[in-house]
Amino acid sequence: MRPLIALVIAAAVGAGGCHQIYPFDVSANNDSVVDLSELDAGRDAPAGREQGLKLDLGVDLGVDLGVDLVPKPDRPLLDQKVLVDSTPVTGKVTTIAGKGLPGCTALTNVPPLNWSFTYPAGVAAQGDDLWIADQNCHRIYNLYKENTIVVVAGSGSAGYADGSSLTAQFDGPSGIAVAGQILYIADTNNHSIRKIDASGFVTTVAGSGANGFKDGPALAATFNKPMALAHHSGVLYVADRLNCRIRVVDLNNKKVSTLAGQGCLSTNKFADGAVNAARFYWPTGVAVDSTGKKIYVSDSANHRIRLISGGVVSTLAGGKPGFLDGKASQAMFSSPAQIAVDGTGQVYVADRDSHRIRLISGGIVSTVAGSVKGFLDGPRLKAWFSGPVSVALPTANPVEFYVADGANRRIRKISLK
């Protein structure tokens, strides 16, 4: 549970001139919903200082607090919801890569904290390796032991080309899935699924390159802005965002099929039920458990985390936009992005517009890290994120994991102990 963060504001109240001090809760940052097309463009937060602490309170206090205030007077303060718990919390958030300034570093021997990203949109981890997809640099990077970062694939120019590591081209890569020594990439703006082998050679495993919806032979199938991937036993699960469907790529049979979803509809954009009757609204994240029998979906524009199991789609948590921890049926998310599931079935959520990392465990939603929008390392429930979009677990039962903090242009590590 996260602590209550408060500013103390002096106010004169009433005709009698009673001067009192009131606590003002700023720990629940309930931003209005942002069009997910911004995620493709990797657009930044409102202009402000590139360095230093940034705090979005949603209200103009008219005082100088030494931080950047981004007023949003249209956001009702009464919508802020906070759960307060005095239980001591351990763990912290640290930055392991990225200096926060836009750029596309491709040199060798550059320390990770001096590296420049434009929009890290996806991360995947395995042991000491962390892979990063920079959506606007059109490259895939590898960070090894949090010490050395190199380009794995991508020329740095938007385009479509298979081939060797640094001549291959991507266009807006986002989600990454790891299978042994193979990386699979959701090449979002190319509407394709790409593969990077151990030598760095890039090939296309699914998608013709045209946007659309068609199942069938993998290289003839069509996607529309695939955003995230999950791998299990030779099968890739794809969050096909603008098709509002979850697709399956059978890597052995080289076929694409639809697992769930009716497609994007103009009305009634949400429905649980049988997989062929269920409805999603811009699914942006997907994860599969260790058994391969439970597939979790971040149904971003429905502000829900969904579960596909036994031919049925159900809501695991969420339903209304906003921020609220507690029982899964009452909890609120705000445009949740990519997700991950650990070996015990706990689901980690990059809750993008709440600027927090959330956890679903045992029917309860809690905040793992984050408090308000901005950039600040430190105790995990006091740290600040800005539009986190992806989470990566290096082991099945991690004591630390990684976050692509998109609008901060940084990779952060969350230590739970």
Protein backbone atom coordinates (compact mmCIF):
# COMPACT_ATOMS: atom_id res chain seq x y z
CA MET A 1 0.00 0.00 0.00
CA ARG A 2 1.26 3.48 -0.72
CA PRO A 3 1.57 6.25 1.88
CA LEU A 4 -0.38 9.46 1.82
CA ILE A 5 1.68 12.25 0.33
CA ALA A 6 0.39 15.68 1.28
CA LEU A 7 1.14 19.32 0.77
CA VAL A 8 0.10 21.71 3.47
CA ILE A 9 -1.82 24.66 2.11
CA ALA A 10 -2.80 27.70 4.17
CA ALA A 11 -6.23 29.05 3.34
CA ALA A 12 -8.56 31.72 4.62
CA VAL A 13 -12.03 30.27 4.90
CA GLY A 14 -15.41 31.87 5.43
CA ALA A 15 -16.50 35.38 6.20
CA GLY A 16 -15.19 35.08 9.72
CA GLY A 17 -11.65 34.83 8.36
CA CYS A 18 -10.82 31.51 10.03
CA HIS A 19 -7.24 30.74 9.12
CA GLN A 20 -6.56 26.99 9.07
CA ILE A 21 -4.07 24.53 7.67
CA TYR A 22 -5.50 21.81 5.45
CA PRO A 23 -3.79 18.66 4.08
CA PHE A 24 -4.14 18.42 0.33
CA ASP A 25 -3.78 14.92 -1.12
CA VAL A 26 -1.68 14.82 -4.26
CA SER A 27 -0.76 11.16 -4.20
CA ALA A 28 -3.65 10.08 -6.45
CA ASN A 29 -2.92 11.46 -9.88
CA ASN A 30 -6.10 10.78 -11.82
CA ASP A 31 -5.20 12.16 -15.25
CA SER A 32 -7.82 12.20 -17.96
CA VAL A 33 -7.55 9.36 -20.46
CA VAL A 34 -5.01 9.93 -23.22
CA ASP A 35 -5.51 8.71 -26.77
CA LEU A 36 -3.34 5.62 -27.12
CA SER A 37 -2.18 6.83 -30.52
CA GLU A 38 0.21 8.96 -28.49
CA LEU A 39 1.97 5.80 -27.45
CA ASP A 40 2.91 5.09 -31.06
CA ALA A 41 4.27 8.57 -31.51
CA GLY A 42 6.12 8.48 -28.22
CA ARG A 43 4.93 11.96 -27.47
CA ASP A 44 6.38 13.70 -24.49
CA ALA A 45 4.71 15.10 -21.43
CA PRO A 46 3.93 18.83 -21.52
CA ALA A 47 6.98 20.98 -22.08
CA GLY A 48 8.97 21.78 -18.98
CA ARG A 49 12.44 21.55 -17.58
CA GLU A 50 14.31 18.54 -18.93
CA GLN A 51 16.13 18.07 -15.66
CA GLY A 52 15.10 18.28 -12.04
CA LEU A 53 11.97 17.13 -10.29
CA LYS A 54 8.64 17.40 -12.05
CA LEU A 55 5.35 17.19 -10.21
CA ASP A 56 1.87 17.23 -11.75
CA LEU A 57 -0.59 18.15 -9.02
CA GLY A 58 -3.49 18.90 -11.33
CA VAL A 59 -3.96 22.32 -9.72
CA ASP A 60 -2.20 25.69 -9.85
CA LEU A 61 -1.17 26.49 -6.30
CA GLY A 62 0.24 29.89 -7.21
CA VAL A 63 3.34 29.27 -5.13
CA ASP A 64 6.90 28.36 -5.98
CA LEU A 65 7.66 24.89 -4.65
CA GLY A 66 10.87 24.52 -6.62
CA VAL A 67 9.30 22.03 -9.02
CA ASP A 68 7.44 22.28 -12.32
CA LEU A 69 3.67 22.42 -11.87
CA VAL A 70 1.49 21.42 -14.79
CA PRO A 71 -2.00 22.79 -14.05
CA LYS A 72 -4.98 20.76 -15.15
CA PRO A 73 -7.94 22.71 -13.82
CA ASP A 74 -10.41 20.52 -15.68
CA ARG A 75 -9.63 17.54 -13.45
CA PRO A 76 -12.03 17.30 -10.51
CA LEU A 77 -10.14 17.05 -7.25
CA LEU A 78 -12.95 15.04 -5.68
CA ASP A 79 -12.18 12.20 -8.08
CA GLN A 80 -8.88 11.54 -6.33
CA LYS A 81 -8.97 8.27 -4.40
CA VAL A 82 -6.38 7.14 -1.87
CA LEU A 83 -5.95 4.10 0.30
CA VAL A 84 -3.73 4.82 3.29
CA ASP A 85 -1.71 2.15 5.08
CA SER A 86 0.88 2.74 7.76
CA THR A 87 2.57 -0.64 7.26
CA PRO A 88 6.32 -0.10 6.69
CA VAL A 89 7.35 -0.74 3.11
CA THR A 90 10.82 -1.77 1.97
CA GLY A 91 12.36 -1.51 -1.47
CA LYS A 92 13.33 1.30 -3.78
CA VAL A 93 13.33 2.56 -7.35
CA THR A 94 16.59 3.36 -9.14
CA THR A 95 17.45 4.46 -12.66
CA ILE A 96 19.74 2.02 -14.47
CA ALA A 97 19.78 3.47 -18.00
CA GLY A 98 18.94 6.72 -19.71
CA LYS A 99 19.77 10.31 -18.84
CA GLY A 100 16.30 11.61 -19.63
CA LEU A 101 17.24 13.68 -22.69
CA PRO A 102 15.97 12.65 -26.14
CA GLY A 103 18.42 11.04 -28.50
CA CYS A 104 19.43 7.81 -30.19
CA THR A 105 22.78 6.73 -28.79
CA ALA A 106 24.46 4.04 -30.87
CA LEU A 107 28.09 4.34 -29.77
CA THR A 108 29.94 1.70 -27.82
CA ASN A 109 31.46 2.27 -24.38
CA VAL A 110 28.75 4.73 -23.34
CA PRO A 111 27.73 4.20 -19.69
CA PRO A 112 24.05 3.24 -19.42
CA LEU A 113 23.22 6.33 -17.35
CA ASN A 114 24.62 8.52 -20.15
CA TRP A 115 22.56 6.78 -22.80
CA SER A 116 19.84 8.67 -24.66
CA PHE A 117 16.48 7.14 -25.56
CA THR A 118 13.60 8.82 -27.33
CA TYR A 119 10.80 6.54 -26.19
CA PRO A 120 11.59 3.17 -24.58
CA ALA A 121 8.35 1.32 -25.31
CA GLY A 122 9.17 -2.26 -24.38
CA VAL A 123 11.45 -4.27 -22.12
CA ALA A 124 12.10 -7.98 -21.67
CA ALA A 125 14.46 -9.68 -19.26
CA GLN A 126 16.16 -13.02 -18.85
CA GLY A 127 18.83 -13.54 -16.22
CA ASP A 128 21.44 -10.76 -16.51
CA ASP A 129 20.13 -9.56 -19.88
CA LEU A 130 17.61 -6.79 -20.41
CA TRP A 131 16.38 -5.92 -23.89
CA ILE A 132 14.88 -2.54 -24.70
CA ALA A 133 12.81 -1.49 -27.70
CA ASP A 134 13.13 2.23 -28.44
CA GLN A 135 10.06 3.06 -30.46
CA ASN A 136 11.29 6.30 -31.97
CA CYS A 137 14.92 5.28 -32.46
CA HIS A 138 13.67 2.12 -34.24
CA ARG A 139 16.27 0.01 -32.48
CA ILE A 140 16.56 -2.87 -30.04
CA TYR A 141 19.21 -2.57 -27.30
CA ASN A 142 20.73 -4.99 -24.82
CA LEU A 143 21.67 -3.95 -21.29
CA TYR A 144 23.91 -6.58 -19.67
CA LYS A 145 24.30 -6.73 -15.89
CA GLU A 146 23.10 -3.12 -15.74
CA ASN A 147 26.61 -2.20 -16.82
CA THR A 148 27.01 -2.38 -20.61
CA ILE A 149 24.51 -1.32 -23.27
CA VAL A 150 24.78 -2.02 -27.00
CA VAL A 151 22.64 -1.95 -30.14
CA VAL A 152 21.28 -5.42 -30.93
CA ALA A 153 19.44 -4.61 -34.14
CA GLY A 154 18.14 -1.72 -36.17
CA SER A 155 19.74 0.85 -38.44
CA GLY A 156 18.13 3.71 -36.55
CA SER A 157 15.97 4.78 -39.50
CA ALA A 158 12.29 3.93 -39.76
CA GLY A 159 11.68 1.36 -42.47
CA TYR A 160 11.17 -2.29 -43.20
CA ALA A 161 14.11 -4.53 -44.02
CA ASP A 162 15.19 -7.96 -42.90
CA GLY A 163 18.90 -8.66 -42.71
CA SER A 164 21.95 -8.36 -40.53
CA SER A 165 21.90 -6.60 -37.20
CA LEU A 166 22.68 -2.98 -38.06
CA THR A 167 21.22 -2.94 -41.58
CA ALA A 168 17.81 -4.33 -40.60
CA GLN A 169 15.04 -1.77 -40.17
CA PHE A 170 12.08 -1.46 -37.83
CA ASP A 171 9.32 1.12 -37.58
CA GLY A 172 8.16 1.83 -34.05
CA PRO A 173 9.05 -1.44 -32.30
CA SER A 174 7.36 -1.91 -28.94
CA GLY A 175 6.75 -5.27 -27.21
CA ILE A 176 9.49 -7.91 -26.86
CA ALA A 177 9.26 -11.62 -26.04
CA VAL A 178 12.26 -13.83 -25.25
CA ALA A 179 12.51 -17.52 -26.12
CA GLY A 180 15.95 -18.87 -25.28
CA GLN A 181 18.40 -16.98 -27.49
CA ILE A 182 15.68 -15.69 -29.79
CA LEU A 183 13.95 -12.32 -29.51
CA TYR A 184 10.54 -11.63 -30.99
CA ILE A 185 9.57 -8.02 -31.64
CA ALA A 186 6.17 -6.41 -32.15
CA ASP A 187 7.13 -4.13 -35.05
CA THR A 188 4.14 -1.91 -34.49
CA ASN A 189 4.11 0.47 -37.44
CA ASN A 190 5.18 -2.28 -39.84
CA HIS A 191 2.21 -4.39 -38.64
CA SER A 192 4.57 -7.35 -38.38
CA ILE A 193 6.20 -9.72 -35.92
CA ARG A 194 9.97 -9.88 -36.33
CA LYS A 195 12.61 -12.30 -35.03
CA ILE A 196 16.20 -11.57 -34.00
CA ASP A 197 18.38 -14.66 -33.77
CA ALA A 198 21.50 -15.10 -31.64
CA SER A 199 23.71 -13.59 -34.36
CA GLY A 200 21.55 -10.50 -34.64
CA PHE A 201 20.01 -11.46 -37.98
CA VAL A 202 16.46 -10.16 -38.38
CA THR A 203 13.63 -11.93 -40.19
CA THR A 204 9.87 -11.59 -40.33
CA VAL A 205 7.85 -14.43 -38.80
CA ALA A 206 4.32 -13.06 -39.27
CA GLY A 207 2.58 -10.23 -41.05
CA SER A 208 2.60 -9.10 -44.66
CA GLY A 209 3.47 -5.53 -43.69
CA ALA A 210 0.02 -4.22 -44.62
CA ASN A 211 -2.36 -3.17 -41.89
CA GLY A 212 -5.60 -5.11 -41.72
CA PHE A 213 -7.10 -8.25 -40.28
CA LYS A 214 -6.53 -11.63 -41.85
CA ASP A 215 -5.71 -15.02 -40.35
CA GLY A 216 -3.92 -17.80 -42.23
CA PRO A 217 -0.35 -18.43 -43.38
CA ALA A 218 1.92 -16.34 -41.19
CA LEU A 219 3.57 -14.19 -43.86
CA ALA A 220 0.24 -13.47 -45.56
CA ALA A 221 -1.63 -12.64 -42.35
CA THR A 222 -2.28 -9.03 -41.44
CA PHE A 223 -2.17 -7.13 -38.15
CA ASN A 224 -3.05 -3.57 -37.18
CA LYS A 225 -0.57 -2.03 -34.73
CA PRO A 226 0.56 -5.11 -32.78
CA MET A 227 1.77 -3.78 -29.44
CA ALA A 228 2.87 -6.63 -27.18
CA LEU A 229 3.96 -10.27 -27.29
CA ALA A 230 4.14 -13.27 -24.98
CA HIS A 231 5.76 -16.62 -25.77
CA HIS A 232 5.02 -20.13 -24.53
CA SER A 233 6.03 -23.47 -26.07
CA GLY A 234 6.41 -22.31 -29.66
CA VAL A 235 3.37 -20.05 -29.64
CA LEU A 236 3.35 -16.26 -29.68
CA TYR A 237 0.41 -14.35 -28.26
CA VAL A 238 -0.08 -10.92 -29.82
CA ALA A 239 -1.99 -7.92 -28.48
CA ASP A 240 -3.25 -6.69 -31.86
CA ARG A 241 -4.30 -3.28 -30.64
CA LEU A 242 -6.21 -1.64 -33.47
CA ASN A 243 -7.84 -4.93 -34.41
CA CYS A 244 -9.07 -5.20 -30.80
CA ARG A 245 -8.13 -8.87 -30.81
CA ILE A 246 -5.67 -11.28 -29.28
CA ARG A 247 -3.93 -13.21 -32.03
CA VAL A 248 -1.83 -16.37 -31.97
CA VAL A 249 1.24 -17.12 -34.09
CA ASP A 250 2.05 -20.82 -34.23
CA LEU A 251 5.79 -20.74 -34.90
CA ASN A 252 5.94 -24.42 -35.82
CA ASN A 253 3.03 -24.49 -38.26
CA LYS A 254 3.61 -20.89 -39.38
CA LYS A 255 -0.04 -20.00 -39.05
CA VAL A 256 -1.83 -17.02 -37.51
CA SER A 257 -5.23 -17.37 -35.85
CA THR A 258 -7.47 -15.33 -33.57
CA LEU A 259 -7.68 -16.40 -29.95
CA ALA A 260 -10.25 -13.89 -28.70
CA GLY A 261 -12.13 -10.75 -29.66
CA GLN A 262 -14.73 -9.66 -32.20
CA GLY A 263 -12.74 -6.72 -33.48
CA CYS A 264 -13.05 -2.98 -32.89
CA LEU A 265 -16.70 -1.98 -32.71
CA SER A 266 -18.21 1.50 -32.71
CA THR A 267 -20.46 0.74 -29.73
CA ASN A 268 -20.50 -1.74 -26.85
CA LYS A 269 -16.72 -1.98 -26.77
CA PHE A 270 -16.56 -4.28 -23.76
CA ALA A 271 -17.92 -7.78 -23.27
CA ASP A 272 -16.81 -10.79 -21.25
CA GLY A 273 -17.85 -14.27 -22.31
CA ALA A 274 -16.89 -16.86 -24.89
CA VAL A 275 -13.70 -15.97 -26.78
CA ASN A 276 -15.53 -15.44 -30.07
CA ALA A 277 -18.06 -13.11 -28.42
CA ALA A 278 -15.73 -11.15 -26.13
CA ARG A 279 -14.86 -7.56 -26.91
CA PHE A 280 -11.67 -5.63 -26.25
CA TYR A 281 -10.88 -1.96 -26.74
CA TRP A 282 -7.28 -1.35 -27.76
CA PRO A 283 -5.52 -4.26 -26.02
CA THR A 284 -1.95 -3.13 -25.36
CA GLY A 285 -0.36 -5.83 -23.22
CA VAL A 286 -0.38 -9.63 -23.07
CA ALA A 287 1.23 -12.22 -20.78
CA VAL A 288 0.97 -15.98 -20.40
CA ASP A 289 1.45 -18.01 -17.23
CA SER A 290 3.88 -20.89 -16.77
CA THR A 291 1.25 -23.49 -17.68
CA GLY A 292 0.30 -21.79 -20.94
CA LYS A 293 -3.35 -22.10 -19.96
CA LYS A 294 -3.95 -18.58 -18.70
CA ILE A 295 -3.45 -15.56 -20.93
CA TYR A 296 -3.67 -12.13 -19.37
CA VAL A 297 -4.55 -9.05 -21.41
CA SER A 298 -4.16 -5.37 -20.65
CA ASP A 299 -7.38 -4.03 -22.18
CA SER A 300 -6.15 -0.48 -22.17
CA ALA A 301 -9.07 1.66 -23.30
CA ASN A 302 -11.46 -0.42 -21.20
CA HIS A 303 -9.14 0.18 -18.20
CA ARG A 304 -9.25 -3.50 -17.32
CA ILE A 305 -6.98 -6.50 -16.99
CA ARG A 306 -8.67 -9.47 -18.64
CA LEU A 307 -8.11 -13.22 -18.37
CA ILE A 308 -8.50 -15.75 -21.17
CA SER A 309 -8.82 -19.30 -19.89
CA GLY A 310 -10.78 -22.35 -20.95
CA GLY A 311 -12.30 -20.59 -23.95
CA VAL A 312 -13.75 -17.79 -21.82
CA VAL A 313 -12.75 -14.15 -21.36
CA SER A 314 -13.34 -12.61 -17.93
CA THR A 315 -12.33 -9.44 -16.14
CA LEU A 316 -9.56 -9.98 -13.62
CA ALA A 317 -9.50 -6.41 -12.29
CA GLY A 318 -10.57 -2.88 -13.10
CA GLY A 319 -13.34 -1.36 -15.17
CA LYS A 320 -13.45 2.40 -14.62
CA PRO A 321 -10.70 4.90 -15.48
CA GLY A 322 -8.83 6.33 -12.53
CA PHE A 323 -6.69 5.16 -9.67
CA LEU A 324 -7.88 2.99 -6.80
CA ASP A 325 -6.27 0.08 -5.00
CA GLY A 326 -8.26 -2.61 -3.20
CA LYS A 327 -10.54 -5.43 -4.26
CA ALA A 328 -10.02 -6.36 -7.90
CA SER A 329 -13.67 -5.76 -8.76
CA GLN A 330 -13.50 -2.21 -7.39
CA ALA A 331 -9.93 -1.26 -8.35
CA MET A 332 -9.33 1.33 -11.04
CA PHE A 333 -6.66 1.60 -13.71
CA SER A 334 -5.93 4.37 -16.19
CA SER A 335 -4.88 3.17 -19.65
CA PRO A 336 -2.86 0.17 -18.44
CA ALA A 337 -0.10 -0.73 -20.88
CA GLN A 338 2.11 -3.82 -20.95
CA ILE A 339 1.97 -6.50 -18.26
CA ALA A 340 3.92 -9.48 -16.90
CA VAL A 341 3.02 -12.52 -14.81
CA ASP A 342 5.31 -14.26 -12.33
CA GLY A 343 5.62 -17.92 -11.38
CA THR A 344 2.89 -17.68 -8.75
CA GLY A 345 0.35 -16.03 -11.05
CA GLN A 346 0.78 -12.49 -9.77
CA VAL A 347 0.25 -9.92 -12.51
CA TYR A 348 2.40 -6.78 -12.74
CA VAL A 349 0.86 -3.86 -14.61
CA ALA A 350 2.46 -0.74 -16.10
CA ASP A 351 -0.48 1.56 -15.33
CA ARG A 352 0.51 4.25 -17.77
CA ASP A 353 -1.73 7.18 -17.02
CA SER A 354 -1.71 6.55 -13.28
CA HIS A 355 2.11 6.71 -13.48
CA ARG A 356 2.40 3.67 -11.23
CA ILE A 357 3.29 0.01 -11.29
CA ARG A 358 0.44 -2.08 -9.93
CA LEU A 359 0.15 -5.68 -8.76
CA ILE A 360 -2.82 -8.05 -8.92
CA SER A 361 -2.52 -10.86 -6.39
CA GLY A 362 -5.16 -12.96 -4.66
CA GLY A 363 -8.03 -10.77 -5.86
CA ILE A 364 -6.41 -7.59 -4.54
CA VAL A 365 -4.84 -4.73 -6.49
CA SER A 366 -2.02 -2.80 -4.85
CA THR A 367 0.60 -0.27 -5.88
CA VAL A 368 4.13 -1.63 -6.12
CA ALA A 369 5.83 1.64 -7.00
CA GLY A 370 5.04 5.22 -7.92
CA SER A 371 3.09 8.09 -6.44
CA VAL A 372 2.78 11.08 -8.78
CA LYS A 373 3.78 12.00 -12.31
CA GLY A 374 7.38 13.11 -12.66
CA PHE A 375 10.87 11.73 -12.18
CA LEU A 376 12.27 10.79 -8.80
CA ASP A 377 14.19 7.76 -7.56
CA GLY A 378 13.97 6.58 -3.96
CA PRO A 379 11.64 4.54 -1.75
CA ARG A 380 9.38 2.72 -4.15
CA LEU A 381 6.07 4.19 -2.97
CA LYS A 382 7.48 7.70 -3.05
CA ALA A 383 9.19 7.40 -6.45
CA TRP A 384 7.79 9.20 -9.50
CA PHE A 385 7.21 7.82 -12.99
CA SER A 386 5.93 9.44 -16.16
CA GLY A 387 3.89 7.16 -18.38
CA PRO A 388 5.45 3.74 -17.62
CA VAL A 389 4.61 1.41 -20.48
CA SER A 390 6.33 -1.93 -19.96
CA VAL A 391 7.49 -4.25 -17.16
CA ALA A 392 9.97 -7.12 -17.34
CA LEU A 393 10.61 -9.89 -14.80
CA PRO A 394 14.13 -11.41 -14.95
CA THR A 395 13.07 -14.54 -13.04
CA ALA A 396 9.86 -16.41 -12.26
CA ASN A 397 9.81 -15.04 -8.71
CA PRO A 398 11.69 -11.76 -8.81
CA VAL A 399 12.87 -9.63 -5.92
CA GLU A 400 13.57 -6.90 -8.44
CA PHE A 401 12.28 -6.12 -11.91
CA TYR A 402 12.44 -3.50 -14.65
CA VAL A 403 10.23 -0.78 -16.08
CA ALA A 404 10.33 1.15 -19.34
CA ASP A 405 9.50 4.64 -18.09
CA GLY A 406 8.44 5.97 -21.48
CA ALA A 407 7.99 9.71 -21.10
CA ASN A 408 10.98 9.94 -18.74
CA ARG A 409 13.12 8.22 -21.40
CA ARG A 410 14.65 5.99 -18.76
CA ILE A 411 14.83 2.37 -17.64
CA ARG A 412 14.07 1.98 -13.96
CA LYS A 413 14.62 -0.91 -11.55
CA ILE A 414 12.21 -1.70 -8.74
CA SER A 415 13.72 -3.59 -5.81
CA LEU A 416 11.10 -5.13 -3.55
CA LYS A 417 13.44 -5.68 -0.57
